[in-house]
C-alpha atoms as a PDB file:
ATOM      1  CA  MET A   1       6.821 -15.528  44.243  1.00  0.00           C
ATOM      2  CA  GLU A   2       4.883 -12.260  44.548  1.00  0.00           C
ATOM      3  CA  LYS A   3       6.096 -11.147  41.122  1.00  0.00           C
ATOM      4  CA  SER A   4       4.893 -14.361  39.494  1.00  0.00           C
ATOM      5  CA  ILE A   5       1.463 -14.027  41.138  1.00  0.00           C
ATOM      6  CA  ARG A   6       1.225 -10.401  40.040  1.00  0.00           C
ATOM      7  CA  ALA A   7       2.241 -11.315  36.466  1.00  0.00           C
ATOM      8  CA  GLU A   8      -0.356 -14.067  36.425  1.00  0.00           C
ATOM      9  CA  ARG A   9      -3.072 -11.614  37.545  1.00  0.00           C
ATOM     10  CA  ILE A  10      -2.063  -9.145  34.825  1.00  0.00           C
ATOM     11  CA  SER A  11      -2.117 -11.862  32.145  1.00  0.00           C
ATOM     12  CA  VAL A  12      -5.525 -13.067  33.326  1.00  0.00           C
ATOM     13  CA  SER A  13      -6.833  -9.507  33.248  1.00  0.00           C
ATOM     14  CA  THR A  14      -5.472  -9.020  29.734  1.00  0.00           C
ATOM     15  CA  GLU A  15      -7.066 -12.286  28.622  1.00  0.00           C
ATOM     16  CA  GLN A  16     -10.400 -11.223  30.138  1.00  0.00           C
ATOM     17  CA  ILE A  17     -10.275  -7.965  28.183  1.00  0.00           C
ATOM     18  CA  LYS A  18      -9.575  -9.844  24.941  1.00  0.00           C
ATOM     19  CA  ILE A  19     -12.560 -12.121  25.548  1.00  0.00           C
ATOM     20  CA  GLN A  20     -14.758  -9.106  26.367  1.00  0.00           C
ATOM     21  CA  GLU A  21     -13.632  -7.412  23.165  1.00  0.00           C
ATOM     22  CA  ARG A  22     -14.394 -10.414  20.960  1.00  0.00           C
ATOM     23  CA  LEU A  23     -17.737 -11.029  22.621  1.00  0.00           C
ATOM     24  CA  ALA A  24     -18.693  -7.368  22.232  1.00  0.00           C
ATOM     25  CA  ILE A  25     -17.848  -7.486  18.500  1.00  0.00           C
ATOM     26  CA  VAL A  26     -20.022 -10.588  18.008  1.00  0.00           C
ATOM     27  CA  LEU A  27     -22.897  -8.930  19.879  1.00  0.00           C
ATOM     28  CA  ALA A  28     -22.503  -5.777  17.767  1.00  0.00           C
ATOM     29  CA  LEU A  29     -22.627  -7.936  14.630  1.00  0.00           C
ATOM     30  CA  ILE A  30     -25.831  -9.589  15.883  1.00  0.00           C
ATOM     31  CA  ALA A  31     -27.331  -6.183  16.737  1.00  0.00           C
ATOM     32  CA  GLY A  32     -26.563  -4.817  13.273  1.00  0.00           C
ATOM     33  CA  TYR A  33     -27.993  -7.941  11.672  1.00  0.00           C
ATOM     34  CA  ILE A  34     -31.274  -7.805  13.621  1.00  0.00           C
ATOM     35  CA  ASP A  35     -31.587  -4.024  13.255  1.00  0.00           C
ATOM     36  CA  ALA A  36     -31.289  -4.365   9.479  1.00  0.00           C
ATOM     37  CA  ILE A  37     -33.948  -7.098   9.491  1.00  0.00           C
ATOM     38  CA  GLY A  38     -36.268  -4.818  11.467  1.00  0.00           C
ATOM     39  CA  LEU A  39     -35.740  -2.014   8.968  1.00  0.00           C
ATOM     40  CA  ILE A  40     -36.335  -4.288   5.970  1.00  0.00           C
ATOM     41  CA  LYS A  41     -39.342  -6.225   7.292  1.00  0.00           C
ATOM     42  CA  TRP A  42     -41.111  -3.710   9.560  1.00  0.00           C
ATOM     43  CA  LYS A  43     -39.621  -0.339   8.463  1.00  0.00           C
ATOM     44  CA  THR A  44     -38.545   0.160  12.093  1.00  0.00           C
ATOM     45  CA  TYR A  45     -35.221   0.212  13.907  1.00  0.00           C
ATOM     46  CA  VAL A  46     -35.257  -2.335  16.727  1.00  0.00           C
ATOM     47  CA  SER A  47     -32.040  -1.091  18.366  1.00  0.00           C
ATOM     48  CA  PHE A  48     -31.709   2.517  17.174  1.00  0.00           C
ATOM     49  CA  MET A  49     -33.874   4.389  19.665  1.00  0.00           C
ATOM     50  CA  SER A  50     -32.666   7.843  18.598  1.00  0.00           C
ATOM     51  CA  GLY A  51     -34.211   7.262  15.184  1.00  0.00           C
ATOM     52  CA  ASN A  52     -37.387   5.862  16.703  1.00  0.00           C
ATOM     53  CA  THR A  53     -37.687   8.849  19.020  1.00  0.00           C
ATOM     54  CA  THR A  54     -37.362  11.153  16.001  1.00  0.00           C
ATOM     55  CA  GLN A  55     -40.042   9.141  14.176  1.00  0.00           C
ATOM     56  CA  LEU A  56     -42.285   9.342  17.258  1.00  0.00           C
ATOM     57  CA  GLY A  57     -41.923  13.124  17.367  1.00  0.00           C
ATOM     58  CA  THR A  58     -42.768  13.539  13.688  1.00  0.00           C
ATOM     59  CA  ALA A  59     -45.686  11.093  14.000  1.00  0.00           C
ATOM     60  CA  ILE A  60     -47.103  13.117  16.902  1.00  0.00           C
ATOM     61  CA  SER A  61     -46.810  16.391  15.016  1.00  0.00           C
ATOM     62  CA  THR A  62     -48.424  14.965  11.871  1.00  0.00           C
ATOM     63  CA  GLY A  63     -51.085  12.946  13.680  1.00  0.00           C
ATOM     64  CA  LYS A  64     -49.985   9.564  12.282  1.00  0.00           C
ATOM     65  CA  TRP A  65     -51.326   7.122  14.862  1.00  0.00           C
ATOM     66  CA  ALA A  66     -49.806   4.044  13.257  1.00  0.00           C
ATOM     67  CA  GLY A  67     -46.338   5.591  13.466  1.00  0.00           C
ATOM     68  CA  MET A  68     -46.930   6.629  17.083  1.00  0.00           C
ATOM     69  CA  ILE A  69     -48.013   3.142  18.127  1.00  0.00           C
ATOM     70  CA  THR A  70     -45.044   1.517  16.378  1.00  0.00           C
ATOM     71  CA  SER A  71     -42.477   3.904  17.878  1.00  0.00           C
ATOM     72  CA  ILE A  72     -43.939   3.785  21.392  1.00  0.00           C
ATOM     73  CA  THR A  73     -44.041  -0.026  21.250  1.00  0.00           C
ATOM     74  CA  VAL A  74     -40.430  -0.526  20.192  1.00  0.00           C
ATOM     75  CA  ILE A  75     -39.065   2.165  22.551  1.00  0.00           C
ATOM     76  CA  GLY A  76     -41.033   0.856  25.525  1.00  0.00           C
ATOM     77  CA  CYS A  77     -40.070  -2.776  24.912  1.00  0.00           C
ATOM     78  CA  PHE A  78     -36.417  -1.873  24.348  1.00  0.00           C
ATOM     79  CA  VAL A  79     -36.283   0.010  27.667  1.00  0.00           C
ATOM     80  CA  LEU A  80     -38.064  -2.877  29.396  1.00  0.00           C
ATOM     81  CA  GLY A  81     -35.479  -5.289  27.992  1.00  0.00           C
ATOM     82  CA  ILE A  82     -32.630  -3.205  29.413  1.00  0.00           C
ATOM     83  CA  TYR A  83     -34.429  -3.038  32.773  1.00  0.00           C
ATOM     84  CA  VAL A  84     -34.858  -6.828  32.921  1.00  0.00           C
ATOM     85  CA  GLY A  85     -31.293  -7.473  31.751  1.00  0.00           C
ATOM     86  CA  THR A  86     -29.877  -5.106  34.353  1.00  0.00           C
ATOM     87  CA  CYS A  87     -31.920  -6.766  37.104  1.00  0.00           C
ATOM     88  CA  LEU A  88     -30.614 -10.166  35.994  1.00  0.00           C
ATOM     89  CA  SER A  89     -27.003  -8.950  35.992  1.00  0.00           C
ATOM     90  CA  LEU A  90     -27.424  -7.603  39.532  1.00  0.00           C
ATOM     91  CA  GLN A  91     -29.155 -10.737  40.845  1.00  0.00           C
ATOM     92  CA  LYS A  92     -26.168 -12.570  42.316  1.00  0.00           C
ATOM     93  CA  LYS A  93     -28.343 -15.385  43.669  1.00  0.00           C
ATOM     94  CA  LEU A  94     -28.872 -16.704  40.139  1.00  0.00           C
ATOM     95  CA  GLY A  95     -25.183 -17.486  39.753  1.00  0.00           C
ATOM     96  CA  ILE A  96     -25.612 -17.859  35.980  1.00  0.00           C
ATOM     97  CA  ARG A  97     -23.450 -15.508  33.934  1.00  0.00           C
ATOM     98  CA  THR A  98     -25.071 -16.499  30.656  1.00  0.00           C
ATOM     99  CA  MET A  99     -28.709 -15.930  31.693  1.00  0.00           C
ATOM    100  CA  SER A 100     -29.318 -12.881  29.463  1.00  0.00           C
ATOM    101  CA  SER A 101     -27.747 -14.363  26.326  1.00  0.00           C
ATOM    102  CA  ILE A 102     -29.631 -17.650  26.782  1.00  0.00           C
ATOM    103  CA  MET A 103     -32.887 -15.741  27.295  1.00  0.00           C
ATOM    104  CA  VAL A 104     -32.401 -13.686  24.125  1.00  0.00           C
ATOM    105  CA  ALA A 105     -31.575 -16.813  22.105  1.00  0.00           C
ATOM    106  CA  ALA A 106     -34.656 -18.587  23.491  1.00  0.00           C
ATOM    107  CA  ILE A 107     -36.907 -15.622  22.710  1.00  0.00           C
ATOM    108  CA  LEU A 108     -35.626 -15.442  19.123  1.00  0.00           C
ATOM    109  CA  ILE A 109     -36.135 -19.177  18.601  1.00  0.00           C
ATOM    110  CA  LEU A 110     -39.635 -19.171  20.104  1.00  0.00           C
ATOM    111  CA  TYR A 111     -40.548 -16.098  18.049  1.00  0.00           C
ATOM    112  CA  THR A 112     -39.303 -17.796  14.873  1.00  0.00           C
ATOM    113  CA  ILE A 113     -41.432 -20.889  15.527  1.00  0.00           C
ATOM    114  CA  ALA A 114     -44.522 -18.860  16.474  1.00  0.00           C
ATOM    115  CA  ASN A 115     -44.162 -16.580  13.459  1.00  0.00           C
ATOM    116  CA  ARG A 116     -43.720 -19.570  11.170  1.00  0.00           C
ATOM    117  CA  TYR A 117     -47.029 -21.137  12.171  1.00  0.00           C
ATOM    118  CA  PHE A 118     -49.149 -18.179  13.309  1.00  0.00           C
ATOM    119  CA  ASN A 119     -47.847 -15.349  11.083  1.00  0.00           C
ATOM    120  CA  MET A 120     -47.427 -12.757  13.818  1.00  0.00           C
ATOM    121  CA  GLY A 121     -48.142  -9.140  12.898  1.00  0.00           C
ATOM    122  CA  ASN A 122     -45.773  -6.193  12.847  1.00  0.00           C
ATOM    123  CA  ILE A 123     -46.549  -4.793  16.304  1.00  0.00           C
ATOM    124  CA  PRO A 124     -46.103  -8.105  18.211  1.00  0.00           C
ATOM    125  CA  SER A 125     -42.921  -8.765  16.204  1.00  0.00           C
ATOM    126  CA  ILE A 126     -41.515  -5.316  16.944  1.00  0.00           C
ATOM    127  CA  ALA A 127     -42.380  -5.668  20.635  1.00  0.00           C
ATOM    128  CA  ILE A 128     -40.678  -9.059  20.998  1.00  0.00           C
ATOM    129  CA  ILE A 129     -37.554  -8.222  19.000  1.00  0.00           C
ATOM    130  CA  GLY A 130     -37.255  -4.763  20.588  1.00  0.00           C
ATOM    131  CA  PHE A 131     -37.358  -6.355  24.058  1.00  0.00           C
ATOM    132  CA  SER A 132     -34.710  -8.875  22.969  1.00  0.00           C
ATOM    133  CA  MET A 133     -32.413  -6.122  21.718  1.00  0.00           C
ATOM    134  CA  GLY A 134     -32.721  -4.227  24.993  1.00  0.00           C
ATOM    135  CA  LEU A 135     -31.949  -7.389  26.930  1.00  0.00           C
ATOM    136  CA  MET A 136     -28.970  -8.151  24.702  1.00  0.00           C
ATOM    137  CA  ASN A 137     -27.604  -4.669  25.326  1.00  0.00           C
ATOM    138  CA  THR A 138     -26.844  -5.672  28.937  1.00  0.00           C
ATOM    139  CA  ILE A 139     -24.752  -8.780  28.163  1.00  0.00           C
ATOM    140  CA  VAL A 140     -21.487  -6.857  27.701  1.00  0.00           C
ATOM    141  CA  THR A 141     -21.380  -3.288  29.005  1.00  0.00           C
ATOM    142  CA  SER A 142     -17.621  -2.709  29.101  1.00  0.00           C
ATOM    143  CA  VAL A 143     -14.346  -3.825  27.571  1.00  0.00           C
ATOM    144  CA  GLY A 144     -11.751  -3.390  30.280  1.00  0.00           C
ATOM    145  CA  ASN A 145     -12.435   0.048  31.724  1.00  0.00           C
ATOM    146  CA  GLN A 146     -14.088   1.339  28.548  1.00  0.00           C
ATOM    147  CA  LYS A 147     -17.891   1.450  28.627  1.00  0.00           C
ATOM    148  CA  VAL A 148     -19.469   0.089  25.432  1.00  0.00           C
ATOM    149  CA  ASN A 149     -22.942  -0.280  23.936  1.00  0.00           C
ATOM    150  CA  THR A 150     -23.075  -3.137  21.466  1.00  0.00           C
ATOM    151  CA  ASP A 151     -26.186  -1.816  19.700  1.00  0.00           C
ATOM    152  CA  PHE A 152     -25.742   1.955  20.151  1.00  0.00           C
ATOM    153  CA  VAL A 153     -23.612   3.058  17.206  1.00  0.00           C
ATOM    154  CA  THR A 154     -23.907   6.799  17.948  1.00  0.00           C
ATOM    155  CA  GLY A 155     -22.314   6.297  21.369  1.00  0.00           C
ATOM    156  CA  THR A 156     -19.593   4.101  19.860  1.00  0.00           C
ATOM    157  CA  LEU A 157     -18.686   6.695  17.225  1.00  0.00           C
ATOM    158  CA  ASN A 158     -18.773   9.452  19.842  1.00  0.00           C
ATOM    159  CA  SER A 159     -16.328   7.564  22.080  1.00  0.00           C
ATOM    160  CA  LEU A 160     -14.176   6.675  19.058  1.00  0.00           C
ATOM    161  CA  ALA A 161     -13.872  10.320  17.993  1.00  0.00           C
ATOM    162  CA  ARG A 162     -13.092  11.467  21.554  1.00  0.00           C
ATOM    163  CA  ASN A 163     -10.398   8.838  22.089  1.00  0.00           C
ATOM    164  CA  THR A 164      -8.868   9.529  18.669  1.00  0.00           C
ATOM    165  CA  ALA A 165      -8.710  13.238  19.509  1.00  0.00           C
ATOM    166  CA  MET A 166      -7.058  12.511  22.866  1.00  0.00           C
ATOM    167  CA  LEU A 167      -4.620  10.154  21.112  1.00  0.00           C
ATOM    168  CA  ASN A 168      -3.565  12.922  18.728  1.00  0.00           C
ATOM    169  CA  MET A 169      -3.354  15.598  21.429  1.00  0.00           C
ATOM    170  CA  THR A 170      -1.318  13.798  24.103  1.00  0.00           C
ATOM    171  CA  GLU A 171       2.439  13.306  24.026  1.00  0.00           C
ATOM    172  CA  ASP A 172       2.563  10.830  26.906  1.00  0.00           C
ATOM    173  CA  ILE A 173       3.564   7.386  25.582  1.00  0.00           C
ATOM    174  CA  THR A 174       1.464   5.463  28.113  1.00  0.00           C
ATOM    175  CA  GLU A 175      -1.619   7.516  27.365  1.00  0.00           C
ATOM    176  CA  ARG A 176      -1.111   7.158  23.627  1.00  0.00           C
ATOM    177  CA  LYS A 177      -1.020   3.359  23.975  1.00  0.00           C
ATOM    178  CA  LYS A 178      -4.200   3.425  26.052  1.00  0.00           C
ATOM    179  CA  TYR A 179      -6.114   5.721  23.687  1.00  0.00           C
ATOM    180  CA  LYS A 180      -4.923   3.782  20.646  1.00  0.00           C
ATOM    181  CA  ALA A 181      -6.090   0.470  22.123  1.00  0.00           C
ATOM    182  CA  ILE A 182      -9.509   1.931  22.961  1.00  0.00           C
ATOM    183  CA  ALA A 183      -9.833   3.481  19.487  1.00  0.00           C
ATOM    184  CA  VAL A 184      -9.079   0.104  17.878  1.00  0.00           C
ATOM    185  CA  GLN A 185     -11.650  -1.628  20.128  1.00  0.00           C
ATOM    186  CA  LEU A 186     -14.355   0.890  19.255  1.00  0.00           C
ATOM    187  CA  SER A 187     -13.513   0.742  15.534  1.00  0.00           C
ATOM    188  CA  LEU A 188     -13.885  -3.043  15.557  1.00  0.00           C
ATOM    189  CA  LEU A 189     -17.172  -2.689  17.433  1.00  0.00           C
ATOM    190  CA  TRP A 190     -18.528  -0.288  14.792  1.00  0.00           C
ATOM    191  CA  MET A 191     -17.312  -2.516  11.947  1.00  0.00           C
ATOM    192  CA  GLY A 192     -18.986  -5.515  13.588  1.00  0.00           C
ATOM    193  CA  PHE A 193     -22.329  -3.699  13.606  1.00  0.00           C
ATOM    194  CA  LEU A 194     -21.793  -2.603   9.990  1.00  0.00           C
ATOM    195  CA  LEU A 195     -20.928  -6.134   8.866  1.00  0.00           C
ATOM    196  CA  GLY A 196     -24.033  -7.543  10.552  1.00  0.00           C
ATOM    197  CA  ALA A 197     -26.264  -4.949   8.899  1.00  0.00           C
ATOM    198  CA  ALA A 198     -24.676  -5.672   5.508  1.00  0.00           C
ATOM    199  CA  ALA A 199     -25.152  -9.441   5.893  1.00  0.00           C
ATOM    200  CA  ALA A 200     -28.885  -9.323   6.670  1.00  0.00           C
ATOM    201  CA  PRO A 201     -30.160  -8.452   3.152  1.00  0.00           C
ATOM    202  CA  PHE A 202     -28.151 -11.332   1.668  1.00  0.00           C
ATOM    203  CA  THR A 203     -29.413 -13.987   4.095  1.00  0.00           C
ATOM    204  CA  LEU A 204     -33.072 -12.899   4.186  1.00  0.00           C
ATOM    205  CA  PRO A 205     -34.031 -14.357   0.753  1.00  0.00           C
ATOM    206  CA  PHE A 206     -32.495 -17.741   1.670  1.00  0.00           C
ATOM    207  CA  LEU A 207     -33.715 -18.112   5.265  1.00  0.00           C
ATOM    208  CA  GLY A 208     -37.048 -16.317   5.038  1.00  0.00           C
ATOM    209  CA  PRO A 209     -39.038 -16.889   8.256  1.00  0.00           C
ATOM    210  CA  TRP A 210     -36.018 -18.627   9.831  1.00  0.00           C
ATOM    211  CA  ILE A 211     -33.883 -15.486   9.601  1.00  0.00           C
ATOM    212  CA  MET A 212     -33.628 -15.088  13.399  1.00  0.00           C
ATOM    213  CA  THR A 213     -32.054 -18.526  13.859  1.00  0.00           C
ATOM    214  CA  ILE A 214     -28.598 -17.193  12.938  1.00  0.00           C
ATOM    215  CA  PRO A 215     -28.385 -14.636  15.794  1.00  0.00           C
ATOM    216  CA  ALA A 216     -29.978 -17.184  18.158  1.00  0.00           C
ATOM    217  CA  LEU A 217     -27.318 -19.782  17.357  1.00  0.00           C
ATOM    218  CA  LEU A 218     -24.538 -17.204  17.707  1.00  0.00           C
ATOM    219  CA  LEU A 219     -25.854 -16.208  21.142  1.00  0.00           C
ATOM    220  CA  LEU A 220     -26.006 -19.849  22.253  1.00  0.00           C
ATOM    221  CA  LEU A 221     -22.434 -20.308  21.037  1.00  0.00           C
ATOM    222  CA  CYS A 222     -21.341 -17.240  23.014  1.00  0.00           C
ATOM    223  CA  SER A 223     -23.084 -18.623  26.112  1.00  0.00           C
ATOM    224  CA  LEU A 224     -21.291 -21.945  25.701  1.00  0.00           C
ATOM    225  CA  LEU A 225     -17.897 -20.272  25.339  1.00  0.00           C
ATOM    226  CA  ILE A 226     -18.517 -18.078  28.385  1.00  0.00           C
ATOM    227  CA  SER A 227     -19.343 -21.158  30.433  1.00  0.00           C
ATOM    228  CA  ILE A 228     -16.340 -23.128  29.183  1.00  0.00           C
ATOM    229  CA  LEU A 229     -13.922 -20.257  29.794  1.00  0.00           C
ATOM    230  CA  ASN A 230     -15.539 -19.522  33.183  1.00  0.00           C
ATOM    231  CA  PHE A 231     -15.699 -15.901  32.102  1.00  0.00           C
ATOM    232  CA  ASN A 232     -17.815 -13.191  33.680  1.00  0.00           C
ATOM    233  CA  PRO A 233     -18.870 -10.596  31.047  1.00  0.00           C
END
């Protein structure tokens, strides 16, 4: 009896990790897609804060106020999004596991409608989308025991290289399986981001001002699946 219960717990845990992995890949794809849109439309990364920090530093040194305002806006709103998302994830009284993903989808839809009829400028657009990306970054923060950032490619590649090195250096079979599984997860995460970034330029000419509806619909689909599977990301 105890063995069957233990086996069931292990299988459930394994299934949870698989769901986390797939959800993280979808979120990475969305992040790459939106980041590419930000680069194409506003010449600004909306999820790559290392690049924006570099641009802020160069703008300060060269006295380019427009660049300073843009970089400060996107960095500040991104950090604020992470702050709000973290507060939501820690607020147990809400009892809604999909709150962050629903909020991001709603923001993207409302922004799309507002931009369609009021033609919002670059700074408001960067602020809204930057906040959304920060908020989205808190939806899935780990796959199993491995910490992940769905829109932070530098951290993903860093962890991938470290785990690959440990895989090649260890001779323990159990450790090799663990490091290999993590390396595969991180590789898929990176490829998801890459695929999203590659897809954006192709869809932009067809969707135009409705370009953000694709990530919004994907986020709503993820929220629905989380609810159906009774899964806690």
